[in-house]
Amino acid sequence: MKSEVLLNWVDELAFETNVNGHKIILDAEDGVGGMDRGPRPKPLLLVSLGGCTAMDVISILKKMRVNVKKFNVRVDSEITEEHPKHYCKIHIIYEFWGKDLPMDKLEKAVNLSQDKYCGVSYSLKKALELTYEIKVFN
């Protein structure tokens, strides 16, 4: 199976793409030649990682009939100072809210995402240090 994304140059440092029928504009900040019309590419990698694993986890928990009231995925990262500046460490924090949430099921859902289902995590683990933790709030 192949996958392709096409980026069309708009002007200056702006590019437009279409992902799953949704238009996205990428651009650089004003100070480096862009016009700040959209996000930078690098943070979108973190969004992809967070979205991939978050969708896995909530889907798995629904199948387990775990009633989560609120759920966030926070993705923290470290970027190298030298060029090419790249992510060298990423830490995912899974934040759950709810009453009497079963920690064993939360852990199972997160581990299944990280070890079996999330292709973005799988790809990134080959290139950098990827860690995660679970936090539960009432």
N, C-alpha and C. Protein backbone atom coordinates (compact mmCIF):
# COMPACT_ATOMS: atom_id res chain seq x y z
N MET A 1 0.85 -1.17 0.00
CA MET A 1 0.00 0.00 0.00
C MET A 1 0.89 1.23 0.00
N LYS A 2 0.57 2.19 -0.84
CA LYS A 2 1.30 3.45 -0.92
C LYS A 2 0.44 4.59 -0.42
N SER A 3 1.12 5.64 -0.02
CA SER A 3 0.43 6.85 0.42
C SER A 3 1.18 8.04 -0.15
N GLU A 4 0.46 9.07 -0.52
CA GLU A 4 1.08 10.25 -1.10
C GLU A 4 0.40 11.50 -0.59
N VAL A 5 1.20 12.53 -0.38
CA VAL A 5 0.69 13.86 -0.03
C VAL A 5 1.34 14.84 -1.01
N LEU A 6 0.55 15.69 -1.61
CA LEU A 6 1.05 16.69 -2.55
C LEU A 6 1.00 18.06 -1.90
N LEU A 7 2.12 18.78 -1.94
CA LEU A 7 2.17 20.14 -1.42
C LEU A 7 2.36 21.08 -2.59
N ASN A 8 1.47 22.04 -2.72
CA ASN A 8 1.53 23.03 -3.79
C ASN A 8 2.05 24.34 -3.22
N TRP A 9 3.08 24.88 -3.89
CA TRP A 9 3.65 26.14 -3.47
C TRP A 9 2.66 27.26 -3.74
N VAL A 10 2.35 28.05 -2.71
CA VAL A 10 1.44 29.19 -2.83
C VAL A 10 2.26 30.42 -3.22
N ASP A 11 3.15 30.83 -2.36
CA ASP A 11 4.10 31.92 -2.59
C ASP A 11 5.02 31.99 -1.38
N GLU A 12 6.07 32.81 -1.48
CA GLU A 12 7.04 32.95 -0.38
C GLU A 12 7.39 31.58 0.18
N LEU A 13 7.07 31.30 1.46
CA LEU A 13 7.34 30.00 2.07
C LEU A 13 6.06 29.23 2.40
N ALA A 14 4.96 29.62 1.80
CA ALA A 14 3.67 28.98 2.07
C ALA A 14 3.41 27.84 1.07
N PHE A 15 2.85 26.77 1.60
CA PHE A 15 2.45 25.62 0.80
C PHE A 15 1.06 25.19 1.22
N GLU A 16 0.30 24.70 0.27
CA GLU A 16 -1.05 24.22 0.53
C GLU A 16 -1.10 22.73 0.23
N THR A 17 -1.79 22.00 1.06
CA THR A 17 -1.97 20.58 0.83
C THR A 17 -3.40 20.20 1.17
N ASN A 18 -3.79 19.03 0.78
CA ASN A 18 -5.11 18.51 1.06
C ASN A 18 -4.92 17.14 1.69
N VAL A 19 -5.39 16.99 2.93
CA VAL A 19 -5.26 15.72 3.64
C VAL A 19 -6.66 15.22 3.97
N ASN A 20 -7.01 14.08 3.43
CA ASN A 20 -8.32 13.49 3.66
C ASN A 20 -9.47 14.46 3.39
N GLY A 21 -9.30 15.28 2.35
CA GLY A 21 -10.35 16.23 1.98
C GLY A 21 -10.32 17.53 2.77
N HIS A 22 -9.30 17.73 3.57
CA HIS A 22 -9.19 18.94 4.38
C HIS A 22 -7.96 19.73 3.97
N LYS A 23 -8.18 21.00 3.64
CA LYS A 23 -7.10 21.87 3.20
C LYS A 23 -6.25 22.32 4.39
N ILE A 24 -4.95 22.26 4.21
CA ILE A 24 -4.01 22.73 5.23
C ILE A 24 -3.01 23.65 4.55
N ILE A 25 -2.77 24.80 5.16
CA ILE A 25 -1.75 25.74 4.70
C ILE A 25 -0.57 25.65 5.67
N LEU A 26 0.61 25.45 5.14
CA LEU A 26 1.83 25.47 5.94
C LEU A 26 2.57 26.77 5.60
N ASP A 27 3.16 27.38 6.60
CA ASP A 27 3.90 28.60 6.34
C ASP A 27 4.95 28.79 7.42
N ALA A 28 5.89 29.66 7.16
CA ALA A 28 6.92 30.01 8.12
C ALA A 28 6.52 31.32 8.80
N GLU A 29 7.21 31.64 9.86
CA GLU A 29 6.91 32.89 10.56
C GLU A 29 7.47 34.08 9.79
N ASP A 30 6.95 35.25 10.13
CA ASP A 30 7.32 36.49 9.44
C ASP A 30 8.82 36.72 9.39
N GLY A 31 9.51 36.48 10.47
CA GLY A 31 10.92 36.80 10.57
C GLY A 31 11.85 36.00 9.68
N VAL A 32 11.37 34.91 9.10
CA VAL A 32 12.24 34.07 8.26
C VAL A 32 11.75 34.01 6.81
N GLY A 33 10.84 34.88 6.45
CA GLY A 33 10.40 34.93 5.07
C GLY A 33 8.99 34.45 4.82
N GLY A 34 8.33 33.98 5.84
CA GLY A 34 6.95 33.54 5.70
C GLY A 34 5.99 34.67 6.05
N MET A 35 4.70 34.33 6.03
CA MET A 35 3.68 35.32 6.39
C MET A 35 2.77 34.79 7.51
N ASP A 36 3.19 33.71 8.15
CA ASP A 36 2.48 33.13 9.30
C ASP A 36 1.02 32.81 8.98
N ARG A 37 0.78 32.23 7.81
CA ARG A 37 -0.60 31.90 7.40
C ARG A 37 -1.02 30.49 7.82
N GLY A 38 -0.12 29.77 8.46
CA GLY A 38 -0.44 28.42 8.89
C GLY A 38 0.65 27.87 9.78
N PRO A 39 0.46 26.66 10.29
CA PRO A 39 1.45 26.08 11.19
C PRO A 39 2.74 25.71 10.47
N ARG A 40 3.81 25.57 11.26
CA ARG A 40 5.07 25.07 10.74
C ARG A 40 4.97 23.55 10.61
N PRO A 41 5.75 22.96 9.75
CA PRO A 41 5.68 21.51 9.55
C PRO A 41 6.08 20.66 10.77
N LYS A 42 7.12 21.07 11.47
CA LYS A 42 7.64 20.22 12.54
C LYS A 42 6.62 19.94 13.65
N PRO A 43 5.90 20.94 14.17
CA PRO A 43 4.91 20.64 15.21
C PRO A 43 3.77 19.74 14.72
N LEU A 44 3.53 19.73 13.41
CA LEU A 44 2.47 18.85 12.89
C LEU A 44 2.85 17.38 13.07
N LEU A 45 4.15 17.09 13.16
CA LEU A 45 4.58 15.73 13.46
C LEU A 45 4.10 15.33 14.85
N LEU A 46 4.18 16.27 15.80
CA LEU A 46 3.71 16.01 17.16
C LEU A 46 2.19 15.85 17.19
N VAL A 47 1.50 16.66 16.39
CA VAL A 47 0.04 16.54 16.28
C VAL A 47 -0.34 15.17 15.72
N SER A 48 0.39 14.72 14.70
CA SER A 48 0.13 13.41 14.11
C SER A 48 0.33 12.30 15.13
N LEU A 49 1.40 12.38 15.89
CA LEU A 49 1.67 11.38 16.92
C LEU A 49 0.57 11.39 17.98
N GLY A 50 0.26 12.56 18.51
CA GLY A 50 -0.78 12.66 19.53
C GLY A 50 -2.13 12.20 19.04
N GLY A 51 -2.49 12.60 17.83
CA GLY A 51 -3.78 12.19 17.27
C GLY A 51 -3.87 10.71 17.04
N CYS A 52 -2.81 10.12 16.52
CA CYS A 52 -2.80 8.68 16.23
C CYS A 52 -3.01 7.86 17.51
N THR A 53 -2.22 8.15 18.51
CA THR A 53 -2.32 7.36 19.74
C THR A 53 -3.58 7.69 20.53
N ALA A 54 -4.03 8.95 20.50
CA ALA A 54 -5.26 9.32 21.21
C ALA A 54 -6.47 8.59 20.63
N MET A 55 -6.55 8.53 19.30
CA MET A 55 -7.68 7.82 18.67
C MET A 55 -7.64 6.34 19.01
N ASP A 56 -6.45 5.75 19.01
CA ASP A 56 -6.32 4.34 19.40
C ASP A 56 -6.84 4.12 20.81
N VAL A 57 -6.31 4.91 21.75
CA VAL A 57 -6.62 4.71 23.16
C VAL A 57 -8.10 4.87 23.44
N ILE A 58 -8.71 5.93 22.93
CA ILE A 58 -10.13 6.14 23.23
C ILE A 58 -10.99 5.06 22.58
N SER A 59 -10.60 4.60 21.39
CA SER A 59 -11.33 3.53 20.72
C SER A 59 -11.24 2.22 21.52
N ILE A 60 -10.06 1.91 21.99
CA ILE A 60 -9.86 0.68 22.78
C ILE A 60 -10.64 0.76 24.08
N LEU A 61 -10.59 1.91 24.76
CA LEU A 61 -11.31 2.06 26.03
C LEU A 61 -12.81 1.97 25.84
N LYS A 62 -13.33 2.47 24.73
CA LYS A 62 -14.77 2.34 24.47
C LYS A 62 -15.14 0.87 24.33
N LYS A 63 -14.31 0.09 23.64
CA LYS A 63 -14.56 -1.34 23.49
C LYS A 63 -14.49 -2.06 24.83
N MET A 64 -13.66 -1.56 25.74
CA MET A 64 -13.55 -2.13 27.08
C MET A 64 -14.64 -1.62 28.02
N ARG A 65 -15.48 -0.73 27.51
CA ARG A 65 -16.56 -0.12 28.28
C ARG A 65 -16.05 0.68 29.50
N VAL A 66 -14.93 1.37 29.27
CA VAL A 66 -14.40 2.24 30.31
C VAL A 66 -14.96 3.63 30.05
N ASN A 67 -15.62 4.19 31.07
CA ASN A 67 -16.30 5.47 30.94
C ASN A 67 -15.35 6.61 31.33
N VAL A 68 -14.68 7.16 30.33
CA VAL A 68 -13.78 8.28 30.56
C VAL A 68 -14.57 9.57 30.39
N LYS A 69 -14.48 10.46 31.39
CA LYS A 69 -15.20 11.72 31.33
C LYS A 69 -14.49 12.73 30.44
N LYS A 70 -13.15 12.79 30.57
CA LYS A 70 -12.34 13.73 29.79
C LYS A 70 -11.00 13.05 29.51
N PHE A 71 -10.43 13.34 28.35
CA PHE A 71 -9.18 12.71 27.95
C PHE A 71 -8.34 13.67 27.13
N ASN A 72 -7.10 13.86 27.54
CA ASN A 72 -6.15 14.69 26.80
C ASN A 72 -4.89 13.89 26.53
N VAL A 73 -4.25 14.21 25.45
CA VAL A 73 -2.91 13.69 25.19
C VAL A 73 -2.00 14.89 25.01
N ARG A 74 -0.98 14.96 25.86
CA ARG A 74 -0.01 16.04 25.81
C ARG A 74 1.28 15.46 25.24
N VAL A 75 1.87 16.13 24.27
CA VAL A 75 3.10 15.64 23.65
C VAL A 75 4.20 16.68 23.89
N ASP A 76 5.17 16.33 24.73
CA ASP A 76 6.31 17.19 25.02
C ASP A 76 7.50 16.72 24.18
N SER A 77 8.35 17.65 23.80
CA SER A 77 9.47 17.26 22.95
C SER A 77 10.71 18.07 23.25
N GLU A 78 11.85 17.53 22.84
CA GLU A 78 13.12 18.24 22.86
C GLU A 78 13.66 18.28 21.45
N ILE A 79 14.14 19.45 21.05
CA ILE A 79 14.70 19.65 19.71
C ILE A 79 16.19 19.95 19.86
N THR A 80 16.99 19.40 18.98
CA THR A 80 18.42 19.67 19.00
C THR A 80 18.68 21.15 18.70
N GLU A 81 19.81 21.66 19.15
CA GLU A 81 20.15 23.05 18.89
C GLU A 81 20.90 23.23 17.59
N GLU A 82 21.54 22.17 17.12
CA GLU A 82 22.30 22.26 15.88
C GLU A 82 21.46 21.80 14.69
N HIS A 83 21.85 22.25 13.53
CA HIS A 83 21.15 21.88 12.30
C HIS A 83 21.61 20.51 11.82
N PRO A 84 20.76 19.73 11.26
CA PRO A 84 19.33 20.00 11.11
C PRO A 84 18.63 19.84 12.46
N LYS A 85 17.92 20.89 12.86
CA LYS A 85 17.21 20.85 14.14
C LYS A 85 16.08 19.83 14.02
N HIS A 86 16.11 18.87 14.94
CA HIS A 86 15.13 17.78 14.87
C HIS A 86 14.76 17.34 16.28
N TYR A 87 13.65 16.64 16.37
CA TYR A 87 13.23 16.09 17.65
C TYR A 87 14.18 14.96 18.03
N CYS A 88 14.69 15.02 19.25
CA CYS A 88 15.56 13.95 19.73
C CYS A 88 14.89 13.17 20.86
N LYS A 89 13.91 13.78 21.53
CA LYS A 89 13.14 13.10 22.59
C LYS A 89 11.70 13.57 22.52
N ILE A 90 10.80 12.62 22.67
CA ILE A 90 9.37 12.95 22.75
C ILE A 90 8.79 12.17 23.92
N HIS A 91 7.99 12.86 24.71
CA HIS A 91 7.33 12.26 25.88
C HIS A 91 5.84 12.51 25.77
N ILE A 92 5.06 11.45 25.79
CA ILE A 92 3.60 11.55 25.69
C ILE A 92 3.00 11.39 27.08
N ILE A 93 2.10 12.29 27.44
CA ILE A 93 1.39 12.22 28.71
C ILE A 93 -0.09 12.01 28.41
N TYR A 94 -0.60 10.88 28.83
CA TYR A 94 -2.02 10.55 28.66
C TYR A 94 -2.72 10.99 29.94
N GLU A 95 -3.66 11.93 29.81
CA GLU A 95 -4.37 12.48 30.96
C GLU A 95 -5.84 12.05 30.90
N PHE A 96 -6.26 11.33 31.95
CA PHE A 96 -7.63 10.80 32.02
C PHE A 96 -8.36 11.41 33.21
N TRP A 97 -9.63 11.73 33.01
CA TRP A 97 -10.50 12.16 34.08
C TRP A 97 -11.70 11.22 34.13
N GLY A 98 -12.12 10.90 35.33
CA GLY A 98 -13.29 10.06 35.50
C GLY A 98 -13.30 9.45 36.90
N LYS A 99 -14.41 8.84 37.21
CA LYS A 99 -14.58 8.24 38.53
C LYS A 99 -14.22 6.76 38.47
N ASP A 100 -13.37 6.34 39.40
CA ASP A 100 -12.98 4.92 39.53
C ASP A 100 -12.49 4.32 38.22
N LEU A 101 -11.62 5.02 37.53
CA LEU A 101 -11.07 4.49 36.28
C LEU A 101 -10.11 3.34 36.58
N PRO A 102 -10.29 2.21 35.91
CA PRO A 102 -9.42 1.05 36.16
C PRO A 102 -8.04 1.23 35.52
N MET A 103 -7.03 1.42 36.35
CA MET A 103 -5.68 1.68 35.85
C MET A 103 -5.18 0.57 34.94
N ASP A 104 -5.53 -0.68 35.24
CA ASP A 104 -5.06 -1.79 34.40
C ASP A 104 -5.58 -1.66 32.98
N LYS A 105 -6.81 -1.20 32.81
CA LYS A 105 -7.38 -1.04 31.47
C LYS A 105 -6.80 0.18 30.76
N LEU A 106 -6.56 1.24 31.51
CA LEU A 106 -5.91 2.42 30.92
C LEU A 106 -4.52 2.05 30.40
N GLU A 107 -3.77 1.34 31.23
CA GLU A 107 -2.43 0.91 30.83
C GLU A 107 -2.47 -0.02 29.63
N LYS A 108 -3.43 -0.93 29.61
CA LYS A 108 -3.55 -1.86 28.49
C LYS A 108 -3.85 -1.11 27.19
N ALA A 109 -4.76 -0.14 27.25
CA ALA A 109 -5.11 0.63 26.06
C ALA A 109 -3.91 1.42 25.55
N VAL A 110 -3.19 2.06 26.44
CA VAL A 110 -2.01 2.85 26.05
C VAL A 110 -0.93 1.93 25.48
N ASN A 111 -0.67 0.82 26.15
CA ASN A 111 0.35 -0.11 25.67
C ASN A 111 -0.02 -0.71 24.32
N LEU A 112 -1.29 -1.02 24.10
CA LEU A 112 -1.71 -1.54 22.80
C LEU A 112 -1.48 -0.50 21.71
N SER A 113 -1.78 0.74 22.01
CA SER A 113 -1.54 1.79 21.03
C SER A 113 -0.05 1.90 20.74
N GLN A 114 0.76 1.97 21.78
CA GLN A 114 2.20 2.16 21.60
C GLN A 114 2.90 0.96 20.97
N ASP A 115 2.46 -0.24 21.31
CA ASP A 115 3.17 -1.45 20.87
C ASP A 115 2.58 -2.12 19.64
N LYS A 116 1.33 -1.80 19.32
CA LYS A 116 0.68 -2.55 18.24
C LYS A 116 0.01 -1.70 17.16
N TYR A 117 -0.68 -0.64 17.54
CA TYR A 117 -1.57 0.03 16.60
C TYR A 117 -1.07 1.36 16.02
N CYS A 118 -0.40 2.19 16.80
CA CYS A 118 -0.06 3.54 16.33
C CYS A 118 1.17 3.51 15.43
N GLY A 119 0.93 3.65 14.14
CA GLY A 119 2.01 3.64 13.16
C GLY A 119 2.94 4.84 13.28
N VAL A 120 2.43 5.95 13.77
CA VAL A 120 3.28 7.13 13.94
C VAL A 120 4.28 6.87 15.07
N SER A 121 3.82 6.32 16.19
CA SER A 121 4.72 5.97 17.28
C SER A 121 5.77 4.98 16.80
N TYR A 122 5.33 3.97 16.08
CA TYR A 122 6.22 2.94 15.58
C TYR A 122 7.34 3.55 14.73
N SER A 123 6.96 4.44 13.84
CA SER A 123 7.95 5.08 12.96
C SER A 123 8.92 5.95 13.75
N LEU A 124 8.41 6.72 14.69
CA LEU A 124 9.26 7.65 15.44
C LEU A 124 10.20 6.93 16.39
N LYS A 125 9.78 5.80 16.95
CA LYS A 125 10.63 5.04 17.87
C LYS A 125 11.93 4.60 17.21
N LYS A 126 11.92 4.49 15.90
CA LYS A 126 13.13 4.09 15.17
C LYS A 126 14.13 5.24 15.08
N ALA A 127 13.67 6.47 15.30
CA ALA A 127 14.51 7.64 15.08
C ALA A 127 14.87 8.41 16.35
N LEU A 128 14.12 8.21 17.43
CA LEU A 128 14.35 9.02 18.62
C LEU A 128 13.85 8.31 19.86
N GLU A 129 14.13 8.91 21.01
CA GLU A 129 13.66 8.37 22.28
C GLU A 129 12.20 8.78 22.49
N LEU A 130 11.32 7.79 22.60
CA LEU A 130 9.89 8.04 22.80
C LEU A 130 9.45 7.38 24.10
N THR A 131 8.97 8.19 25.04
CA THR A 131 8.51 7.68 26.32
C THR A 131 7.08 8.16 26.57
N TYR A 132 6.44 7.56 27.55
CA TYR A 132 5.07 7.97 27.86
C TYR A 132 4.73 7.66 29.32
N GLU A 133 3.67 8.34 29.79
CA GLU A 133 3.17 8.12 31.14
C GLU A 133 1.66 8.35 31.16
N ILE A 134 1.04 7.86 32.21
CA ILE A 134 -0.41 7.99 32.38
C ILE A 134 -0.69 8.77 33.66
N LYS A 135 -1.57 9.75 33.56
CA LYS A 135 -2.01 10.51 34.74
C LYS A 135 -3.53 10.40 34.82
N VAL A 136 -4.03 10.20 36.03
CA VAL A 136 -5.48 10.07 36.24
C VAL A 136 -5.92 11.12 37.24
N PHE A 137 -7.02 11.79 36.90
CA PHE A 137 -7.60 12.84 37.74
C PHE A 137 -9.06 12.51 38.00
N ASN A 138 -9.58 12.97 39.12
CA ASN A 138 -11.01 12.75 39.43
C ASN A 138 -11.87 13.84 38.86
